[in-house]
């Protein structure tokens, strides 16, 4: 079991770990913070796993994300500094979100092989998103993608 460090953020919604990748300054921390809030607003369990530095190891055909011990439960909020939030120390990754730059093409209908990325020999579904979109729109897109892949429940509450 080898662990690789990634410059990324990771969260968990329901039981699905989400790895957020992108260049420095692309909004990984902001999206992680907004996703945690959006997940909780939708009635899901939602927590930070790690921000800025995430270790990823393989166990069988699963990827496990862990926050860095020195900064567990801490996330950067631009304009607010480092804040503490509830966290889980580890999560099984089910989806990668890749924040693409404004000039990077994102295919409207990607080929099947474009919808995945290889991390340590494990194929992980990947959702490319524009980093310049509104955070609420990005969070909605991630939650909708998790639901469509049946990685989180479609609805938590049933109307009487």
Protein backbone atom coordinates (compact mmCIF):
# COMPACT_ATOMS: atom_id res chain seq x y z
CA UNK A 1 0.00 0.00 0.00
CA UNK A 2 1.70 3.14 -1.26
CA UNK A 3 0.36 6.59 -0.51
CA UNK A 4 0.73 9.45 -2.99
CA UNK A 5 0.22 13.07 -2.00
CA UNK A 6 -1.97 15.30 -4.17
CA UNK A 7 -2.44 19.05 -4.19
CA UNK A 8 -6.21 18.70 -3.92
CA UNK A 9 -9.23 18.89 -1.65
CA UNK A 10 -11.39 15.95 -0.65
CA UNK A 11 -14.84 15.77 0.90
CA UNK A 12 -17.44 13.11 1.57
CA UNK A 13 -21.15 13.39 0.78
CA UNK A 14 -23.30 10.56 2.13
CA UNK A 15 -20.71 7.77 1.73
CA UNK A 16 -19.11 9.02 -1.49
CA UNK A 17 -15.66 10.57 -1.31
CA UNK A 18 -15.05 13.34 -3.84
CA UNK A 19 -11.55 14.42 -4.88
CA UNK A 20 -11.32 18.00 -6.20
CA UNK A 21 -8.37 18.66 -8.49
CA UNK A 22 -7.20 21.79 -10.28
CA UNK A 23 -4.35 24.23 -10.55
CA UNK A 24 -3.37 26.49 -7.65
CA UNK A 25 -5.93 29.23 -7.17
CA UNK A 26 -8.61 27.43 -9.20
CA UNK A 27 -11.10 27.29 -6.33
CA UNK A 28 -10.66 23.77 -4.96
CA UNK A 29 -11.09 24.86 -1.34
CA UNK A 30 -14.03 27.14 -2.16
CA UNK A 31 -15.80 24.34 -4.03
CA UNK A 32 -15.11 21.87 -1.18
CA UNK A 33 -16.58 24.31 1.35
CA UNK A 34 -19.64 24.97 -0.84
CA UNK A 35 -20.15 21.25 -1.52
CA UNK A 36 -20.15 20.47 2.19
CA UNK A 37 -22.80 23.16 2.73
CA UNK A 38 -24.87 22.07 -0.30
CA UNK A 39 -24.72 18.42 0.76
CA UNK A 40 -25.85 19.26 4.28
CA UNK A 41 -28.64 21.52 2.92
CA UNK A 42 -29.86 18.59 0.81
CA UNK A 43 -30.00 16.37 3.90
CA UNK A 44 -26.81 14.38 3.30
CA UNK A 45 -23.99 13.70 5.71
CA UNK A 46 -21.19 15.97 4.43
CA UNK A 47 -17.69 16.48 5.79
CA UNK A 48 -14.24 17.66 4.85
CA UNK A 49 -11.63 14.94 4.43
CA UNK A 50 -8.68 17.16 3.54
CA UNK A 51 -7.79 20.48 2.03
CA UNK A 52 -4.68 21.46 0.10
CA UNK A 53 -2.77 18.22 0.77
CA UNK A 54 -4.53 14.88 0.38
CA UNK A 55 -2.90 11.47 0.61
CA UNK A 56 -4.35 8.75 -1.60
CA UNK A 57 -3.68 5.05 -1.16
CA UNK A 58 -5.08 1.96 -2.84
CA UNK A 59 -6.76 -0.89 -1.03
CA UNK A 60 -7.78 -3.57 -3.50
CA UNK A 61 -9.50 -1.67 -6.29
CA UNK A 62 -10.50 1.24 -4.04
CA UNK A 63 -8.87 4.61 -3.52
CA UNK A 64 -8.76 5.94 0.03
CA UNK A 65 -8.26 9.69 0.58
CA UNK A 66 -6.82 10.98 3.84
CA UNK A 67 -6.32 14.51 5.03
CA UNK A 68 -2.83 15.55 6.09
CA UNK A 69 -2.40 15.09 9.85
CA UNK A 70 -1.06 18.63 10.39
CA UNK A 71 -4.15 20.28 8.89
CA UNK A 72 -7.03 17.87 9.59
CA UNK A 73 -10.32 19.71 9.90
CA UNK A 74 -8.89 22.93 8.49
CA UNK A 75 -9.82 24.57 5.21
CA UNK A 76 -8.82 27.83 3.59
CA UNK A 77 -11.57 30.39 3.08
CA UNK A 78 -10.27 33.15 0.89
CA UNK A 79 -10.70 36.45 2.69
CA UNK A 80 -11.31 34.65 6.01
CA UNK A 81 -8.10 32.67 6.48
CA UNK A 82 -7.95 29.11 7.77
CA UNK A 83 -11.12 27.90 9.47
CA UNK A 84 -11.92 24.69 11.31
CA UNK A 85 -14.81 22.51 10.13
CA UNK A 86 -16.13 19.04 11.02
CA UNK A 87 -14.12 16.36 9.21
CA UNK A 88 -13.57 12.67 8.59
CA UNK A 89 -9.97 11.50 8.55
CA UNK A 90 -10.51 9.24 5.51
CA UNK A 91 -13.03 8.35 2.78
CA UNK A 92 -13.36 5.97 -0.15
CA UNK A 93 -13.16 8.04 -3.34
CA UNK A 94 -16.04 7.57 -5.76
CA UNK A 95 -15.64 10.66 -7.99
CA UNK A 96 -12.95 13.08 -9.10
CA UNK A 97 -13.88 16.65 -10.01
CA UNK A 98 -11.37 18.39 -12.25
CA UNK A 99 -11.59 22.19 -12.38
CA UNK A 100 -10.67 23.18 -15.93
CA UNK A 101 -9.38 26.60 -16.93
CA UNK A 102 -11.51 28.98 -18.99
CA UNK A 103 -9.67 28.15 -22.22
CA UNK A 104 -9.59 24.38 -21.73
CA UNK A 105 -12.19 22.62 -23.88
CA UNK A 106 -14.71 20.44 -22.08
CA UNK A 107 -16.54 18.18 -24.51
CA UNK A 108 -20.32 18.47 -24.45
CA UNK A 109 -20.71 14.72 -24.90
CA UNK A 110 -17.44 13.12 -23.76
CA UNK A 111 -16.31 9.75 -25.00
CA UNK A 112 -16.54 7.03 -22.32
CA UNK A 113 -12.78 7.01 -21.74
CA UNK A 114 -12.84 10.79 -21.15
CA UNK A 115 -15.18 10.37 -18.19
CA UNK A 116 -12.57 8.61 -16.06
CA UNK A 117 -9.08 9.20 -14.74
CA UNK A 118 -6.46 6.76 -13.62
CA UNK A 119 -5.08 7.22 -10.12
CA UNK A 120 -2.55 4.62 -8.98
CA UNK A 121 -3.95 2.09 -11.45
CA UNK A 122 -7.57 2.56 -10.36
CA UNK A 123 -10.13 4.08 -12.74
CA UNK A 124 -12.16 6.80 -11.03
CA UNK A 125 -15.15 8.55 -12.64
CA UNK A 126 -14.17 12.14 -13.43
CA UNK A 127 -16.39 15.21 -13.83
CA UNK A 128 -14.65 18.14 -15.55
CA UNK A 129 -16.09 21.55 -14.61
CA UNK A 130 -15.23 25.13 -15.50
CA UNK A 131 -13.50 26.83 -12.60
CA UNK A 132 -15.02 30.18 -13.55
CA UNK A 133 -18.65 29.06 -13.01
CA UNK A 134 -20.61 30.11 -9.94
CA UNK A 135 -19.85 27.95 -6.89
CA UNK A 136 -23.53 27.13 -6.33
CA UNK A 137 -23.77 25.90 -9.94
CA UNK A 138 -20.63 23.78 -9.53
CA UNK A 139 -21.91 22.27 -6.28
CA UNK A 140 -25.27 21.49 -7.91
CA UNK A 141 -23.48 19.82 -10.84
CA UNK A 142 -21.40 17.62 -8.53
CA UNK A 143 -24.38 16.52 -6.43
CA UNK A 144 -26.44 15.86 -9.57
CA UNK A 145 -23.56 13.79 -10.99
CA UNK A 146 -23.25 11.77 -7.78
CA UNK A 147 -27.01 11.11 -7.87
CA UNK A 148 -27.01 10.14 -11.56
CA UNK A 149 -24.19 7.64 -10.95
CA UNK A 150 -26.17 6.33 -7.95
CA UNK A 151 -23.26 7.08 -5.65
CA UNK A 152 -25.59 8.90 -3.24
CA UNK A 153 -29.35 8.38 -2.69
CA UNK A 154 -31.70 10.13 -5.11
CA UNK A 155 -33.87 11.45 -2.31
CA UNK A 156 -33.52 11.18 1.42
CA UNK A 157 -37.02 12.22 2.35
CA UNK A 158 -40.32 10.96 0.97
CA UNK A 159 -43.26 13.34 0.94
CA UNK A 160 -46.17 11.94 3.01
